[in-house]
Amino acid sequence: MTIRVAINGFGRIGRMAFRAVAKEAEFSDIEIVGINDLLEPDYLAYMLQYDSVHGRFKGDVGVEGNHLVVNGKKIRLTAERD
């Protein structure tokens, strides 16, 4: 059974959680379906792709409208304040 998760805040911790789910086999039953952050989608994609500590994200990252596209999978982006 897949657990569907949305991330509220795509700062350092949100991006690291996303990377762990995308990379680690032990999290294969978790699916990221949404990200809520107030920054522009292009900047969110850039921050995911390039990290000064962990290096480049090993995968394809892009933006289509209000979706972040990671390895061909669309993830809905919202910008709602708490």
PDB file of N, CA and C in Angstrom:
ATOM      1  N   MET A   1       0.844  -1.179   0.000  1.00  0.00           N
ATOM      2  CA  MET A   1       0.000   0.000   0.000  1.00  0.00           C
ATOM      3  C   MET A   1       0.892   1.246   0.000  1.00  0.00           C
ATOM      4  N   THR A   2       0.665   2.134  -0.932  1.00  0.00           N
ATOM      5  CA  THR A   2       1.459   3.352  -1.056  1.00  0.00           C
ATOM      6  C   THR A   2       0.911   4.441  -0.141  1.00  0.00           C
ATOM      7  N   ILE A   3       1.806   5.091   0.573  1.00  0.00           N
ATOM      8  CA  ILE A   3       1.449   6.222   1.425  1.00  0.00           C
ATOM      9  C   ILE A   3       1.690   7.489   0.621  1.00  0.00           C
ATOM     10  N   ARG A   4       0.645   8.291   0.450  1.00  0.00           N
ATOM     11  CA  ARG A   4       0.747   9.538  -0.313  1.00  0.00           C
ATOM     12  C   ARG A   4       1.011  10.684   0.660  1.00  0.00           C
ATOM     13  N   VAL A   5       2.082  11.450   0.393  1.00  0.00           N
ATOM     14  CA  VAL A   5       2.540  12.487   1.312  1.00  0.00           C
ATOM     15  C   VAL A   5       2.703  13.805   0.569  1.00  0.00           C
ATOM     16  N   ALA A   6       2.336  14.898   1.240  1.00  0.00           N
ATOM     17  CA  ALA A   6       2.625  16.243   0.734  1.00  0.00           C
ATOM     18  C   ALA A   6       3.617  16.887   1.703  1.00  0.00           C
ATOM     19  N   ILE A   7       4.515  17.683   1.178  1.00  0.00           N
ATOM     20  CA  ILE A   7       5.530  18.358   1.989  1.00  0.00           C
ATOM     21  C   ILE A   7       5.134  19.822   2.131  1.00  0.00           C
ATOM     22  N   ASN A   8       5.025  20.289   3.380  1.00  0.00           N
ATOM     23  CA  ASN A   8       4.699  21.689   3.643  1.00  0.00           C
ATOM     24  C   ASN A   8       5.992  22.415   3.996  1.00  0.00           C
ATOM     25  N   GLY A   9       6.532  23.115   3.015  1.00  0.00           N
ATOM     26  CA  GLY A   9       7.804  23.814   3.190  1.00  0.00           C
ATOM     27  C   GLY A   9       8.908  23.037   2.501  1.00  0.00           C
ATOM     28  N   PHE A  10       9.542  23.662   1.519  1.00  0.00           N
ATOM     29  CA  PHE A  10      10.562  22.982   0.725  1.00  0.00           C
ATOM     30  C   PHE A  10      11.919  23.616   0.970  1.00  0.00           C
ATOM     31  N   GLY A  11      12.192  23.904   2.241  1.00  0.00           N
ATOM     32  CA  GLY A  11      13.504  24.405   2.636  1.00  0.00           C
ATOM     33  C   GLY A  11      14.470  23.240   2.765  1.00  0.00           C
ATOM     34  N   ARG A  12      15.495  23.397   3.569  1.00  0.00           N
ATOM     35  CA  ARG A  12      16.525  22.366   3.722  1.00  0.00           C
ATOM     36  C   ARG A  12      15.916  21.014   4.118  1.00  0.00           C
ATOM     37  N   ILE A  13      15.067  20.985   5.131  1.00  0.00           N
ATOM     38  CA  ILE A  13      14.508  19.724   5.622  1.00  0.00           C
ATOM     39  C   ILE A  13      13.536  19.124   4.613  1.00  0.00           C
ATOM     40  N   GLY A  14      12.679  19.941   4.020  1.00  0.00           N
ATOM     41  CA  GLY A  14      11.738  19.437   3.019  1.00  0.00           C
ATOM     42  C   GLY A  14      12.442  18.831   1.817  1.00  0.00           C
ATOM     43  N   ARG A  15      13.495  19.495   1.355  1.00  0.00           N
ATOM     44  CA  ARG A  15      14.248  18.965   0.204  1.00  0.00           C
ATOM     45  C   ARG A  15      14.977  17.677   0.560  1.00  0.00           C
ATOM     46  N   MET A  16      15.527  17.596   1.773  1.00  0.00           N
ATOM     47  CA  MET A  16      16.230  16.373   2.177  1.00  0.00           C
ATOM     48  C   MET A  16      15.249  15.213   2.329  1.00  0.00           C
ATOM     49  N   ALA A  17      14.052  15.484   2.842  1.00  0.00           N
ATOM     50  CA  ALA A  17      13.030  14.436   2.927  1.00  0.00           C
ATOM     51  C   ALA A  17      12.653  13.968   1.527  1.00  0.00           C
ATOM     52  N   PHE A  18      12.496  14.914   0.595  1.00  0.00           N
ATOM     53  CA  PHE A  18      12.166  14.567  -0.789  1.00  0.00           C
ATOM     54  C   PHE A  18      13.262  13.705  -1.399  1.00  0.00           C
ATOM     55  N   ARG A  19      14.517  14.111  -1.212  1.00  0.00           N
ATOM     56  CA  ARG A  19      15.644  13.343  -1.769  1.00  0.00           C
ATOM     57  C   ARG A  19      15.677  11.926  -1.198  1.00  0.00           C
ATOM     58  N   ALA A  20      15.413  11.791   0.102  1.00  0.00           N
ATOM     59  CA  ALA A  20      15.428  10.464   0.723  1.00  0.00           C
ATOM     60  C   ALA A  20      14.359   9.568   0.112  1.00  0.00           C
ATOM     61  N   VAL A  21      13.162  10.102  -0.063  1.00  0.00           N
ATOM     62  CA  VAL A  21      12.071   9.313  -0.651  1.00  0.00           C
ATOM     63  C   VAL A  21      12.393   8.962  -2.095  1.00  0.00           C
ATOM     64  N   ALA A  22      12.979   9.888  -2.832  1.00  0.00           N
ATOM     65  CA  ALA A  22      13.290   9.644  -4.247  1.00  0.00           C
ATOM     66  C   ALA A  22      14.438   8.659  -4.427  1.00  0.00           C
ATOM     67  N   LYS A  23      15.344   8.581  -3.452  1.00  0.00           N
ATOM     68  CA  LYS A  23      16.572   7.809  -3.623  1.00  0.00           C
ATOM     69  C   LYS A  23      16.565   6.456  -2.915  1.00  0.00           C
ATOM     70  N   GLU A  24      16.084   6.409  -1.697  1.00  0.00           N
ATOM     71  CA  GLU A  24      16.234   5.228  -0.852  1.00  0.00           C
ATOM     72  C   GLU A  24      15.169   4.171  -1.132  1.00  0.00           C
ATOM     73  N   ALA A  25      15.582   2.938  -1.313  1.00  0.00           N
ATOM     74  CA  ALA A  25      14.672   1.823  -1.580  1.00  0.00           C
ATOM     75  C   ALA A  25      13.733   1.563  -0.402  1.00  0.00           C
ATOM     76  N   GLU A  26      14.180   1.854   0.819  1.00  0.00           N
ATOM     77  CA  GLU A  26      13.339   1.597   1.988  1.00  0.00           C
ATOM     78  C   GLU A  26      12.096   2.491   2.030  1.00  0.00           C
ATOM     79  N   PHE A  27      12.089   3.578   1.237  1.00  0.00           N
ATOM     80  CA  PHE A  27      10.938   4.471   1.177  1.00  0.00           C
ATOM     81  C   PHE A  27      10.125   4.266  -0.097  1.00  0.00           C
ATOM     82  N   SER A  28      10.249   3.118  -0.721  1.00  0.00           N
ATOM     83  CA  SER A  28       9.566   2.885  -1.997  1.00  0.00           C
ATOM     84  C   SER A  28       8.048   2.847  -1.851  1.00  0.00           C
ATOM     85  N   ASP A  29       7.545   2.705  -0.621  1.00  0.00           N
ATOM     86  CA  ASP A  29       6.098   2.694  -0.410  1.00  0.00           C
ATOM     87  C   ASP A  29       5.547   4.086  -0.112  1.00  0.00           C
ATOM     88  N   ILE A  30       6.382   5.120  -0.246  1.00  0.00           N
ATOM     89  CA  ILE A  30       5.956   6.507  -0.031  1.00  0.00           C
ATOM     90  C   ILE A  30       5.990   7.249  -1.358  1.00  0.00           C
ATOM     91  N   GLU A  31       4.921   7.985  -1.639  1.00  0.00           N
ATOM     92  CA  GLU A  31       4.823   8.774  -2.872  1.00  0.00           C
ATOM     93  C   GLU A  31       4.598  10.239  -2.505  1.00  0.00           C
ATOM     94  N   ILE A  32       5.465  11.126  -2.970  1.00  0.00           N
ATOM     95  CA  ILE A  32       5.280  12.565  -2.763  1.00  0.00           C
ATOM     96  C   ILE A  32       4.306  13.056  -3.826  1.00  0.00           C
ATOM     97  N   VAL A  33       3.159  13.580  -3.399  1.00  0.00           N
ATOM     98  CA  VAL A  33       2.128  14.014  -4.346  1.00  0.00           C
ATOM     99  C   VAL A  33       1.963  15.528  -4.388  1.00  0.00           C
ATOM    100  N   GLY A  34       2.554  16.249  -3.426  1.00  0.00           N
ATOM    101  CA  GLY A  34       2.405  17.694  -3.411  1.00  0.00           C
ATOM    102  C   GLY A  34       3.478  18.364  -2.576  1.00  0.00           C
ATOM    103  N   ILE A  35       3.745  19.615  -2.937  1.00  0.00           N
ATOM    104  CA  ILE A  35       4.697  20.440  -2.194  1.00  0.00           C
ATOM    105  C   ILE A  35       4.070  21.817  -2.041  1.00  0.00           C
ATOM    106  N   ASN A  36       4.047  22.321  -0.811  1.00  0.00           N
ATOM    107  CA  ASN A  36       3.535  23.654  -0.544  1.00  0.00           C
ATOM    108  C   ASN A  36       4.697  24.540  -0.110  1.00  0.00           C
ATOM    109  N   ASP A  37       4.957  25.587  -0.872  1.00  0.00           N
ATOM    110  CA  ASP A  37       6.015  26.538  -0.539  1.00  0.00           C
ATOM    111  C   ASP A  37       5.695  27.855  -1.235  1.00  0.00           C
ATOM    112  N   LEU A  38       6.099  28.952  -0.642  1.00  0.00           N
ATOM    113  CA  LEU A  38       5.772  30.266  -1.191  1.00  0.00           C
ATOM    114  C   LEU A  38       6.709  30.729  -2.301  1.00  0.00           C
ATOM    115  N   LEU A  39       7.815  30.019  -2.536  1.00  0.00           N
ATOM    116  CA  LEU A  39       8.764  30.419  -3.573  1.00  0.00           C
ATOM    117  C   LEU A  39       8.271  30.042  -4.966  1.00  0.00           C
ATOM    118  N   GLU A  40       8.881  30.646  -5.972  1.00  0.00           N
ATOM    119  CA  GLU A  40       8.535  30.376  -7.368  1.00  0.00           C
ATOM    120  C   GLU A  40       8.915  28.944  -7.754  1.00  0.00           C
ATOM    121  N   PRO A  41       8.109  28.296  -8.596  1.00  0.00           N
ATOM    122  CA  PRO A  41       8.395  26.915  -9.015  1.00  0.00           C
ATOM    123  C   PRO A  41       9.788  26.723  -9.613  1.00  0.00           C
ATOM    124  N   ASP A  42      10.240  27.665 -10.440  1.00  0.00           N
ATOM    125  CA  ASP A  42      11.571  27.538 -11.042  1.00  0.00           C
ATOM    126  C   ASP A  42      12.670  27.516  -9.982  1.00  0.00           C
ATOM    127  N   TYR A  43      12.500  28.314  -8.941  1.00  0.00           N
ATOM    128  CA  TYR A  43      13.503  28.353  -7.873  1.00  0.00           C
ATOM    129  C   TYR A  43      13.459  27.072  -7.037  1.00  0.00           C
ATOM    130  N   LEU A  44      12.260  26.526  -6.811  1.00  0.00           N
ATOM    131  CA  LEU A  44      12.150  25.255  -6.087  1.00  0.00           C
ATOM    132  C   LEU A  44      12.874  24.148  -6.846  1.00  0.00           C
ATOM    133  N   ALA A  45      12.703  24.125  -8.168  1.00  0.00           N
ATOM    134  CA  ALA A  45      13.381  23.124  -8.999  1.00  0.00           C
ATOM    135  C   ALA A  45      14.890  23.308  -8.921  1.00  0.00           C
ATOM    136  N   TYR A  46      15.340  24.544  -8.992  1.00  0.00           N
ATOM    137  CA  TYR A  46      16.776  24.834  -8.917  1.00  0.00           C
ATOM    138  C   TYR A  46      17.354  24.378  -7.579  1.00  0.00           C
ATOM    139  N   MET A  47      16.658  24.699  -6.483  1.00  0.00           N
ATOM    140  CA  MET A  47      17.152  24.341  -5.154  1.00  0.00           C
ATOM    141  C   MET A  47      17.174  22.828  -4.945  1.00  0.00           C
ATOM    142  N   LEU A  48      16.240  22.107  -5.568  1.00  0.00           N
ATOM    143  CA  LEU A  48      16.265  20.646  -5.479  1.00  0.00           C
ATOM    144  C   LEU A  48      17.433  20.085  -6.279  1.00  0.00           C
ATOM    145  N   GLN A  49      17.648  20.640  -7.447  1.00  0.00           N
ATOM    146  CA  GLN A  49      18.662  20.094  -8.349  1.00  0.00           C
ATOM    147  C   GLN A  49      20.088  20.342  -7.854  1.00  0.00           C
ATOM    148  N   TYR A  50      20.336  21.488  -7.245  1.00  0.00           N
ATOM    149  CA  TYR A  50      21.691  21.847  -6.812  1.00  0.00           C
ATOM    150  C   TYR A  50      21.717  22.080  -5.306  1.00  0.00           C
ATOM    151  N   ASP A  51      22.520  21.312  -4.592  1.00  0.00           N
ATOM    152  CA  ASP A  51      22.651  21.455  -3.146  1.00  0.00           C
ATOM    153  C   ASP A  51      24.132  21.569  -2.803  1.00  0.00           C
ATOM    154  N   SER A  52      24.499  22.595  -2.050  1.00  0.00           N
ATOM    155  CA  SER A  52      25.911  22.840  -1.759  1.00  0.00           C
ATOM    156  C   SER A  52      26.529  21.775  -0.855  1.00  0.00           C
ATOM    157  N   VAL A  53      25.733  21.064  -0.085  1.00  0.00           N
ATOM    158  CA  VAL A  53      26.250  20.030   0.807  1.00  0.00           C
ATOM    159  C   VAL A  53      26.149  18.639   0.180  1.00  0.00           C
ATOM    160  N   HIS A  54      24.990  18.317  -0.377  1.00  0.00           N
ATOM    161  CA  HIS A  54      24.732  16.966  -0.884  1.00  0.00           C
ATOM    162  C   HIS A  54      24.977  16.812  -2.379  1.00  0.00           C
ATOM    163  N   GLY A  55      25.319  17.882  -3.048  1.00  0.00           N
ATOM    164  CA  GLY A  55      25.621  17.806  -4.479  1.00  0.00           C
ATOM    165  C   GLY A  55      24.378  17.845  -5.352  1.00  0.00           C
ATOM    166  N   ARG A  56      24.576  17.518  -6.620  1.00  0.00           N
ATOM    167  CA  ARG A  56      23.480  17.563  -7.590  1.00  0.00           C
ATOM    168  C   ARG A  56      22.511  16.410  -7.374  1.00  0.00           C
ATOM    169  N   PHE A  57      21.231  16.684  -7.622  1.00  0.00           N
ATOM    170  CA  PHE A  57      20.202  15.651  -7.564  1.00  0.00           C
ATOM    171  C   PHE A  57      20.397  14.729  -8.754  1.00  0.00           C
ATOM    172  N   LYS A  58      20.451  13.437  -8.503  1.00  0.00           N
ATOM    173  CA  LYS A  58      20.670  12.478  -9.575  1.00  0.00           C
ATOM    174  C   LYS A  58      19.332  12.096 -10.193  1.00  0.00           C
ATOM    175  N   GLY A  59      18.887  12.914 -11.102  1.00  0.00           N
ATOM    176  CA  GLY A  59      17.614  12.703 -11.774  1.00  0.00           C
ATOM    177  C   GLY A  59      17.257  13.941 -12.567  1.00  0.00           C
ATOM    178  N   ASP A  60      16.171  13.855 -13.297  1.00  0.00           N
ATOM    179  CA  ASP A  60      15.696  14.981 -14.101  1.00  0.00           C
ATOM    180  C   ASP A  60      14.729  15.818 -13.283  1.00  0.00           C
ATOM    181  N   VAL A  61      14.925  17.135 -13.295  1.00  0.00           N
ATOM    182  CA  VAL A  61      14.067  18.060 -12.560  1.00  0.00           C
ATOM    183  C   VAL A  61      13.637  19.162 -13.510  1.00  0.00           C
ATOM    184  N   GLY A  62      12.343  19.461 -13.526  1.00  0.00           N
ATOM    185  CA  GLY A  62      11.826  20.527 -14.369  1.00  0.00           C
ATOM    186  C   GLY A  62      10.521  21.065 -13.805  1.00  0.00           C
ATOM    187  N   VAL A  63       9.949  22.032 -14.507  1.00  0.00           N
ATOM    188  CA  VAL A  63       8.694  22.655 -14.086  1.00  0.00           C
ATOM    189  C   VAL A  63       7.745  22.688 -15.269  1.00  0.00           C
ATOM    190  N   GLU A  64       6.483  22.326 -15.027  1.00  0.00           N
ATOM    191  CA  GLU A  64       5.404  22.456 -16.013  1.00  0.00           C
ATOM    192  C   GLU A  64       4.239  23.134 -15.323  1.00  0.00           C
ATOM    193  N   GLY A  65       4.064  24.417 -15.574  1.00  0.00           N
ATOM    194  CA  GLY A  65       2.970  25.152 -14.938  1.00  0.00           C
ATOM    195  C   GLY A  65       3.114  25.149 -13.427  1.00  0.00           C
ATOM    196  N   ASN A  66       2.104  24.604 -12.735  1.00  0.00           N
ATOM    197  CA  ASN A  66       2.171  24.540 -11.274  1.00  0.00           C
ATOM    198  C   ASN A  66       2.545  23.131 -10.794  1.00  0.00           C
ATOM    199  N   HIS A  67       3.380  22.448 -11.578  1.00  0.00           N
ATOM    200  CA  HIS A  67       3.869  21.122 -11.210  1.00  0.00           C
ATOM    201  C   HIS A  67       5.396  21.073 -11.291  1.00  0.00           C
ATOM    202  N   LEU A  68       5.989  20.428 -10.319  1.00  0.00           N
ATOM    203  CA  LEU A  68       7.402  20.087 -10.369  1.00  0.00           C
ATOM    204  C   LEU A  68       7.467  18.707 -11.015  1.00  0.00           C
ATOM    205  N   VAL A  69       8.289  18.550 -12.033  1.00  0.00           N
ATOM    206  CA  VAL A  69       8.402  17.271 -12.728  1.00  0.00           C
ATOM    207  C   VAL A  69       9.755  16.664 -12.373  1.00  0.00           C
ATOM    208  N   VAL A  70       9.711  15.535 -11.677  1.00  0.00           N
ATOM    209  CA  VAL A  70      10.929  14.861 -11.234  1.00  0.00           C
ATOM    210  C   VAL A  70      10.929  13.447 -11.802  1.00  0.00           C
ATOM    211  N   ASN A  71      11.909  13.176 -12.642  1.00  0.00           N
ATOM    212  CA  ASN A  71      12.018  11.868 -13.296  1.00  0.00           C
ATOM    213  C   ASN A  71      10.719  11.474 -13.996  1.00  0.00           C
ATOM    214  N   GLY A  72      10.080  12.454 -14.633  1.00  0.00           N
ATOM    215  CA  GLY A  72       8.867  12.207 -15.393  1.00  0.00           C
ATOM    216  C   GLY A  72       7.586  12.208 -14.580  1.00  0.00           C
ATOM    217  N   LYS A  73       7.666  12.309 -13.261  1.00  0.00           N
ATOM    218  CA  LYS A  73       6.479  12.305 -12.411  1.00  0.00           C
ATOM    219  C   LYS A  73       6.119  13.732 -12.018  1.00  0.00           C
ATOM    220  N   LYS A  74       4.845  14.095 -12.224  1.00  0.00           N
ATOM    221  CA  LYS A  74       4.377  15.434 -11.871  1.00  0.00           C
ATOM    222  C   LYS A  74       3.978  15.486 -10.402  1.00  0.00           C
ATOM    223  N   ILE A  75       4.458  16.538  -9.727  1.00  0.00           N
ATOM    224  CA  ILE A  75       4.148  16.764  -8.318  1.00  0.00           C
ATOM    225  C   ILE A  75       3.523  18.147  -8.213  1.00  0.00           C
ATOM    226  N   ARG A  76       2.312  18.205  -7.688  1.00  0.00           N
ATOM    227  CA  ARG A  76       1.568  19.466  -7.615  1.00  0.00           C
ATOM    228  C   ARG A  76       2.244  20.448  -6.657  1.00  0.00           C
ATOM    229  N   LEU A  77       2.354  21.704  -7.097  1.00  0.00           N
ATOM    230  CA  LEU A  77       2.916  22.773  -6.269  1.00  0.00           C
ATOM    231  C   LEU A  77       1.808  23.730  -5.856  1.00  0.00           C
ATOM    232  N   THR A  78       1.793  24.108  -4.590  1.00  0.00           N
ATOM    233  CA  THR A  78       0.867  25.119  -4.097  1.00  0.00           C
ATOM    234  C   THR A  78       1.667  26.168  -3.335  1.00  0.00           C
ATOM    235  N   ALA A  79       1.049  27.319  -3.117  1.00  0.00           N
ATOM    236  CA  ALA A  79       1.700  28.410  -2.385  1.00  0.00           C
ATOM    237  C   ALA A  79       0.707  28.991  -1.380  1.00  0.00           C
ATOM    238  N   GLU A  80       0.294  28.163  -0.427  1.00  0.00           N
ATOM    239  CA  GLU A  80      -0.666  28.576   0.598  1.00  0.00           C
ATOM    240  C   GLU A  80       0.062  28.880   1.899  1.00  0.00           C
ATOM    241  N   ARG A  81      -0.247  30.036   2.457  1.00  0.00           N
ATOM    242  CA  ARG A  81       0.307  30.350   3.776  1.00  0.00           C
ATOM    243  C   ARG A  81      -0.372  29.456   4.806  1.00  0.00           C
ATOM    244  N   ASP A  82       0.286  29.284   5.952  1.00  0.00           N
ATOM    245  CA  ASP A  82      -0.277  28.444   7.020  1.00  0.00           C
ATOM    246  C   ASP A  82      -1.627  28.985   7.389  1.00  0.00           C
TER     247      ASP A  82
END
